[in-house]
Amino acid sequence: MILVFGKTGQVAQELQMQMPEALCVGRDVADLSDPAACCVVIKTHKPKIVINAAAYTAVDRAEEDESLARTVNGDAPKAMAETCAELGIPFVHISTDYVFEGGGSAMWKPQDATAPLGAYGRSKLIGEQGVSGAGGVYAILRTSWVFSAHGNNFVKTMLRLSESRDALSVVDDQIGGPTPARDIATACLSIAHQLQAEPSKSGTYHFSGAPDASWKDLACEVFTQSNRNVLVTGIPSHQYPTPAVRPLNSRMDCTHTTATFGIERPDWRKGVADVLKDLNA
């Protein structure tokens, strides 16, 4: 049995669709603000695999609520990983590009030095350190710019705004790999099963969509595929200020993931097409 922490998030919902027999637990069963409760769930069910697809993802709100973000994104994954290590269960944990400071234009490698710009990134880095230090079989999967037909995300926001506006200004100096949640779920399952057979594959990996693009590029693709006539003007980040600073460079080197697990970067443009198909259905 596979145990998934998370039930309503984008990746968690995709995991449920791909693996209906998995046990996906939400806040009502395991609230990540209480790390001990997560340990109890693992010890009670004794699954063969644990995937953590739950997180505090309100990047801007984390600036004012860093304590809760740190508990949910840092302490809870550490507790999960330690329990999994104790029971000999492979653990897959989803992390983020926000652990990097986002400078330059080179692709970030898993072993590159981390330097989060804000509270969200700091909380996720604490989680990574807890998972890698727990002593068990694990994979930390850093991803970025997640979108799907579920929940709140950039693709759905663009579609919503295009219902009432024919012109939009979108940031074009942040570059990264938009990543379909469906592909993240598929990658997590593949990695988890491979860890069962080859524990030596434990480590930190990157997984993001290709090709690298700006938010403006993503918006334009959404409007092209959805046949919506919206004029998109690119603007620099400083013209769209937010409480939390976003990395300008979120390019992620995924070659280690491909070499180790045989998982290629997904084409996010196909991901957009799939989301539009799902929403229309």
Protein backbone atom coordinates (compact mmCIF):
# COMPACT_ATOMS: atom_id res chain seq x y z
CA MET A 1 0.00 0.00 0.00
CA ILE A 2 1.14 3.52 -0.81
CA LEU A 3 0.49 6.25 1.72
CA VAL A 4 0.22 9.79 0.37
CA PHE A 5 0.22 12.85 2.60
CA GLY A 6 -2.02 15.32 0.83
CA LYS A 7 -5.49 15.02 -0.60
CA THR A 8 -6.60 18.31 -2.16
CA GLY A 9 -3.33 19.63 -3.60
CA GLN A 10 -2.52 19.47 -7.30
CA VAL A 11 -0.03 16.59 -7.14
CA ALA A 12 -2.03 14.70 -4.50
CA GLN A 13 -5.13 14.73 -6.70
CA GLU A 14 -3.11 13.46 -9.66
CA LEU A 15 -1.66 10.70 -7.49
CA GLN A 16 -5.17 9.63 -6.51
CA MET A 17 -6.17 9.45 -10.16
CA GLN A 18 -3.12 7.38 -11.11
CA MET A 19 -3.16 5.16 -8.04
CA PRO A 20 -6.77 4.89 -6.78
CA GLU A 21 -5.78 2.19 -4.31
CA ALA A 22 -3.37 4.51 -2.52
CA LEU A 23 -4.33 5.92 0.87
CA CYS A 24 -4.34 9.70 0.56
CA VAL A 25 -4.72 11.49 3.87
CA GLY A 26 -5.75 15.11 4.34
CA ARG A 27 -5.69 17.51 7.27
CA ASP A 28 -8.60 15.71 8.93
CA VAL A 29 -6.41 12.63 9.39
CA ALA A 30 -2.91 14.10 9.53
CA ASP A 31 -2.50 17.82 10.00
CA LEU A 32 1.10 18.68 9.15
CA SER A 33 1.04 21.40 11.80
CA ASP A 34 1.20 18.41 14.20
CA PRO A 35 4.20 16.36 12.99
CA ALA A 36 3.57 13.66 15.60
CA ALA A 37 0.19 12.94 14.03
CA CYS A 38 1.93 12.16 10.73
CA CYS A 39 4.15 9.63 12.48
CA VAL A 40 1.12 7.92 14.01
CA VAL A 41 -0.50 7.52 10.57
CA ILE A 42 2.64 5.88 9.17
CA LYS A 43 3.03 3.55 12.13
CA THR A 44 -0.65 2.62 12.05
CA HIS A 45 -0.82 1.71 8.36
CA LYS A 46 2.77 0.51 7.81
CA PRO A 47 2.69 1.22 4.06
CA LYS A 48 5.29 0.01 1.58
CA ILE A 49 5.88 3.52 0.26
CA VAL A 50 5.23 7.03 1.63
CA ILE A 51 4.93 10.10 -0.61
CA ASN A 52 4.65 13.57 0.89
CA ALA A 53 2.63 15.72 -1.51
CA ALA A 54 1.38 18.10 1.20
CA ALA A 55 2.92 21.46 2.00
CA TYR A 56 2.39 25.04 3.09
CA THR A 57 2.46 26.65 -0.36
CA ALA A 58 1.21 30.20 0.33
CA VAL A 59 4.52 31.82 -0.59
CA ASP A 60 3.52 35.39 0.25
CA ARG A 61 1.65 34.54 3.44
CA ALA A 62 4.66 32.61 4.69
CA GLU A 63 6.50 35.92 5.11
CA GLU A 64 4.16 36.73 8.01
CA ASP A 65 3.55 33.17 9.16
CA GLU A 66 7.01 31.64 8.95
CA SER A 67 6.58 29.63 12.15
CA LEU A 68 3.67 27.63 10.72
CA ALA A 69 5.39 27.28 7.35
CA ARG A 70 8.46 25.90 9.11
CA THR A 71 6.40 23.37 11.03
CA VAL A 72 4.47 22.15 7.99
CA ASN A 73 7.31 22.25 5.46
CA GLY A 74 10.21 21.54 7.78
CA ASP A 75 9.32 19.67 10.96
CA ALA A 76 6.59 17.44 9.52
CA PRO A 77 8.64 16.00 6.61
CA LYS A 78 11.54 15.41 9.02
CA ALA A 79 9.23 13.46 11.33
CA MET A 80 7.81 11.48 8.42
CA ALA A 81 11.28 10.62 7.12
CA GLU A 82 12.51 9.54 10.55
CA THR A 83 9.50 7.26 11.00
CA CYS A 84 9.99 5.80 7.52
CA ALA A 85 13.68 5.22 8.28
CA GLU A 86 12.73 3.43 11.50
CA LEU A 87 10.30 1.15 9.64
CA GLY A 88 12.39 0.68 6.49
CA ILE A 89 9.92 2.47 4.19
CA PRO A 90 11.07 4.44 1.11
CA PHE A 91 10.06 8.09 1.38
CA VAL A 92 9.52 10.52 -1.52
CA HIS A 93 9.29 14.21 -0.66
CA ILE A 94 8.41 17.05 -3.03
CA SER A 95 10.44 20.23 -2.69
CA THR A 96 10.97 23.40 -4.69
CA ASP A 97 13.25 25.66 -6.74
CA TYR A 98 12.75 28.30 -4.02
CA VAL A 99 15.61 26.77 -2.03
CA PHE A 100 17.96 28.59 -4.46
CA GLU A 101 18.65 32.32 -4.60
CA GLY A 102 17.79 32.40 -8.29
CA GLY A 103 20.67 34.41 -9.68
CA GLY A 104 22.47 34.06 -13.00
CA SER A 105 21.22 32.02 -15.92
CA ALA A 106 22.84 28.61 -15.40
CA MET A 107 20.69 25.59 -14.60
CA TRP A 108 20.66 24.71 -10.92
CA LYS A 109 22.13 21.29 -10.14
CA PRO A 110 20.97 19.25 -7.11
CA GLN A 111 24.34 19.70 -5.40
CA ASP A 112 24.48 23.48 -5.87
CA ALA A 113 24.58 25.66 -2.76
CA THR A 114 21.17 26.68 -1.45
CA ALA A 115 20.27 30.21 -0.36
CA PRO A 116 16.51 30.80 -0.10
CA LEU A 117 15.25 34.35 -0.66
CA GLY A 118 12.23 34.10 1.64
CA ALA A 119 10.35 32.28 4.38
CA TYR A 120 8.78 29.67 2.09
CA GLY A 121 12.13 28.65 0.64
CA ARG A 122 13.72 28.56 4.09
CA SER A 123 10.95 26.30 5.40
CA LYS A 124 11.29 23.91 2.45
CA LEU A 125 15.07 23.77 2.88
CA ILE A 126 14.63 22.82 6.54
CA GLY A 127 12.40 19.99 5.36
CA GLU A 128 15.00 18.81 2.86
CA GLN A 129 17.68 18.78 5.55
CA GLY A 130 15.43 16.78 7.87
CA VAL A 131 14.61 14.23 5.19
CA SER A 132 18.20 13.72 4.02
CA GLY A 133 19.44 13.49 7.60
CA ALA A 134 16.88 10.92 8.77
CA GLY A 135 19.03 7.98 7.70
CA GLY A 136 16.44 6.19 5.58
CA VAL A 137 15.77 5.48 1.92
CA TYR A 138 14.50 8.70 0.36
CA ALA A 139 14.20 10.94 -2.68
CA ILE A 140 13.77 14.69 -2.51
CA LEU A 141 12.22 15.87 -5.77
CA ARG A 142 12.59 19.58 -6.39
CA THR A 143 10.10 20.91 -8.91
CA SER A 144 8.75 24.28 -10.03
CA TRP A 145 5.84 26.25 -11.48
CA VAL A 146 3.27 23.49 -10.93
CA PHE A 147 0.00 23.59 -12.84
CA SER A 148 -2.99 21.32 -13.44
CA ALA A 149 -6.75 21.35 -13.85
CA HIS A 150 -7.05 21.30 -10.05
CA GLY A 151 -6.86 24.01 -7.41
CA ASN A 152 -5.26 27.41 -7.93
CA ASN A 153 -2.39 27.84 -10.36
CA PHE A 154 -1.07 30.22 -13.01
CA VAL A 155 -2.67 28.48 -15.99
CA LYS A 156 -6.14 28.60 -14.46
CA THR A 157 -5.61 32.20 -13.35
CA MET A 158 -4.76 33.23 -16.92
CA LEU A 159 -7.87 31.50 -18.23
CA ARG A 160 -10.02 33.22 -15.60
CA LEU A 161 -8.58 36.67 -16.32
CA SER A 162 -9.05 36.21 -20.05
CA GLU A 163 -12.80 35.89 -19.50
CA SER A 164 -13.01 39.60 -18.72
CA ARG A 165 -9.82 41.16 -20.09
CA ASP A 166 -8.29 41.38 -23.56
CA ALA A 167 -4.88 42.64 -22.41
CA LEU A 168 -2.62 41.54 -19.57
CA SER A 169 0.82 42.43 -18.24
CA VAL A 170 2.82 39.36 -17.24
CA VAL A 171 6.29 39.04 -15.72
CA ASP A 172 8.88 38.04 -18.30
CA ASP A 173 12.19 38.18 -16.40
CA GLN A 174 11.58 35.08 -14.26
CA ILE A 175 12.66 31.98 -16.17
CA GLY A 176 11.92 28.39 -15.21
CA GLY A 177 10.33 25.13 -16.20
CA PRO A 178 6.52 25.01 -15.90
CA THR A 179 5.65 21.52 -14.65
CA PRO A 180 2.38 19.59 -15.05
CA ALA A 181 1.27 18.09 -11.73
CA ARG A 182 0.30 14.93 -13.61
CA ASP A 183 3.92 14.38 -14.62
CA ILE A 184 5.15 15.08 -11.09
CA ALA A 185 2.80 12.40 -9.78
CA THR A 186 4.01 9.91 -12.39
CA ALA A 187 7.62 10.71 -11.53
CA CYS A 188 7.00 10.28 -7.79
CA LEU A 189 5.47 6.84 -8.28
CA SER A 190 8.26 5.68 -10.58
CA ILE A 191 10.94 6.96 -8.21
CA ALA A 192 9.26 5.37 -5.19
CA HIS A 193 9.09 1.94 -6.83
CA GLN A 194 12.70 2.17 -7.99
CA LEU A 195 13.81 3.10 -4.47
CA GLN A 196 12.20 -0.10 -3.21
CA ALA A 197 14.38 -2.14 -5.54
CA GLU A 198 17.49 0.05 -5.38
CA PRO A 199 17.82 1.97 -2.11
CA SER A 200 21.20 3.26 -3.27
CA LYS A 201 19.34 5.71 -5.53
CA SER A 202 18.48 7.79 -2.47
CA GLY A 203 19.25 11.47 -2.90
CA THR A 204 18.07 14.87 -4.13
CA TYR A 205 16.77 15.28 -7.68
CA HIS A 206 15.33 17.93 -9.97
CA PHE A 207 12.23 17.62 -12.14
CA SER A 208 10.70 20.43 -14.16
CA GLY A 209 9.04 20.91 -17.51
CA ALA A 210 10.77 21.78 -20.76
CA PRO A 211 11.62 24.01 -22.49
CA ASP A 212 12.51 26.70 -19.97
CA ALA A 213 10.25 29.73 -20.35
CA SER A 214 9.03 32.93 -18.73
CA TRP A 215 5.64 33.46 -17.16
CA LYS A 216 4.80 35.54 -20.23
CA ASP A 217 5.71 32.61 -22.48
CA LEU A 218 3.44 30.33 -20.49
CA ALA A 219 0.56 32.83 -20.61
CA CYS A 220 0.91 33.23 -24.38
CA GLU A 221 0.85 29.47 -24.87
CA VAL A 222 -2.27 29.16 -22.74
CA PHE A 223 -4.07 31.82 -24.80
CA THR A 224 -2.91 30.35 -28.10
CA GLN A 225 -4.07 26.85 -27.24
CA SER A 226 -7.38 28.07 -25.80
CA ASN A 227 -8.02 30.34 -28.81
CA ARG A 228 -8.34 33.46 -26.66
CA ASN A 229 -7.37 36.79 -28.15
CA VAL A 230 -5.43 38.43 -25.32
CA LEU A 231 -2.59 40.90 -25.78
CA VAL A 232 0.22 39.97 -23.39
CA THR A 233 2.81 42.58 -22.48
CA GLY A 234 5.97 41.50 -20.69
CA ILE A 235 7.02 43.40 -17.57
CA PRO A 236 9.95 43.08 -15.13
CA SER A 237 9.35 41.64 -11.67
CA HIS A 238 9.78 45.00 -9.95
CA GLN A 239 6.63 46.22 -11.68
CA TYR A 240 4.66 43.41 -10.03
CA PRO A 241 5.79 43.60 -6.39
CA THR A 242 4.87 40.78 -4.01
CA PRO A 243 5.55 40.27 -0.27
CA ALA A 244 7.91 37.39 -1.08
CA VAL A 245 10.73 37.81 -3.58
CA ARG A 246 10.61 35.26 -6.42
CA PRO A 247 13.76 33.72 -7.93
CA LEU A 248 14.57 35.19 -11.34
CA ASN A 249 16.36 32.03 -12.42
CA SER A 250 14.48 28.80 -11.75
CA ARG A 251 16.16 26.78 -14.52
CA MET A 252 16.73 23.29 -13.13
CA ASP A 253 19.22 20.72 -14.37
CA CYS A 254 17.29 17.44 -14.49
CA THR A 255 19.96 15.26 -16.10
CA HIS A 256 20.69 13.39 -12.84
CA THR A 257 17.01 12.43 -12.60
CA THR A 258 16.99 11.15 -16.17
CA ALA A 259 20.24 9.23 -15.74
CA THR A 260 19.20 7.62 -12.45
CA PHE A 261 15.50 6.93 -12.95
CA GLY A 262 15.01 7.15 -16.71
CA ILE A 263 12.54 10.00 -16.31
CA GLU A 264 12.68 12.73 -18.97
CA ARG A 265 11.59 16.34 -18.54
CA PRO A 266 7.96 16.63 -19.67
CA ASP A 267 6.92 19.07 -22.41
CA TRP A 268 4.82 21.62 -20.53
CA ARG A 269 3.09 22.66 -23.74
CA LYS A 270 1.51 19.22 -23.93
CA GLY A 271 0.68 19.65 -20.26
CA VAL A 272 -1.23 22.83 -21.07
CA ALA A 273 -3.16 20.96 -23.77
CA ASP A 274 -4.04 18.22 -21.28
CA VAL A 275 -5.25 20.75 -18.71
CA LEU A 276 -7.45 22.50 -21.28
CA LYS A 277 -8.89 19.14 -22.29
CA ASP A 278 -9.60 18.27 -18.65
CA LEU A 279 -11.24 21.63 -17.97
CA ASN A 280 -13.39 21.40 -21.10
CA ALA A 281 -14.50 17.92 -20.11
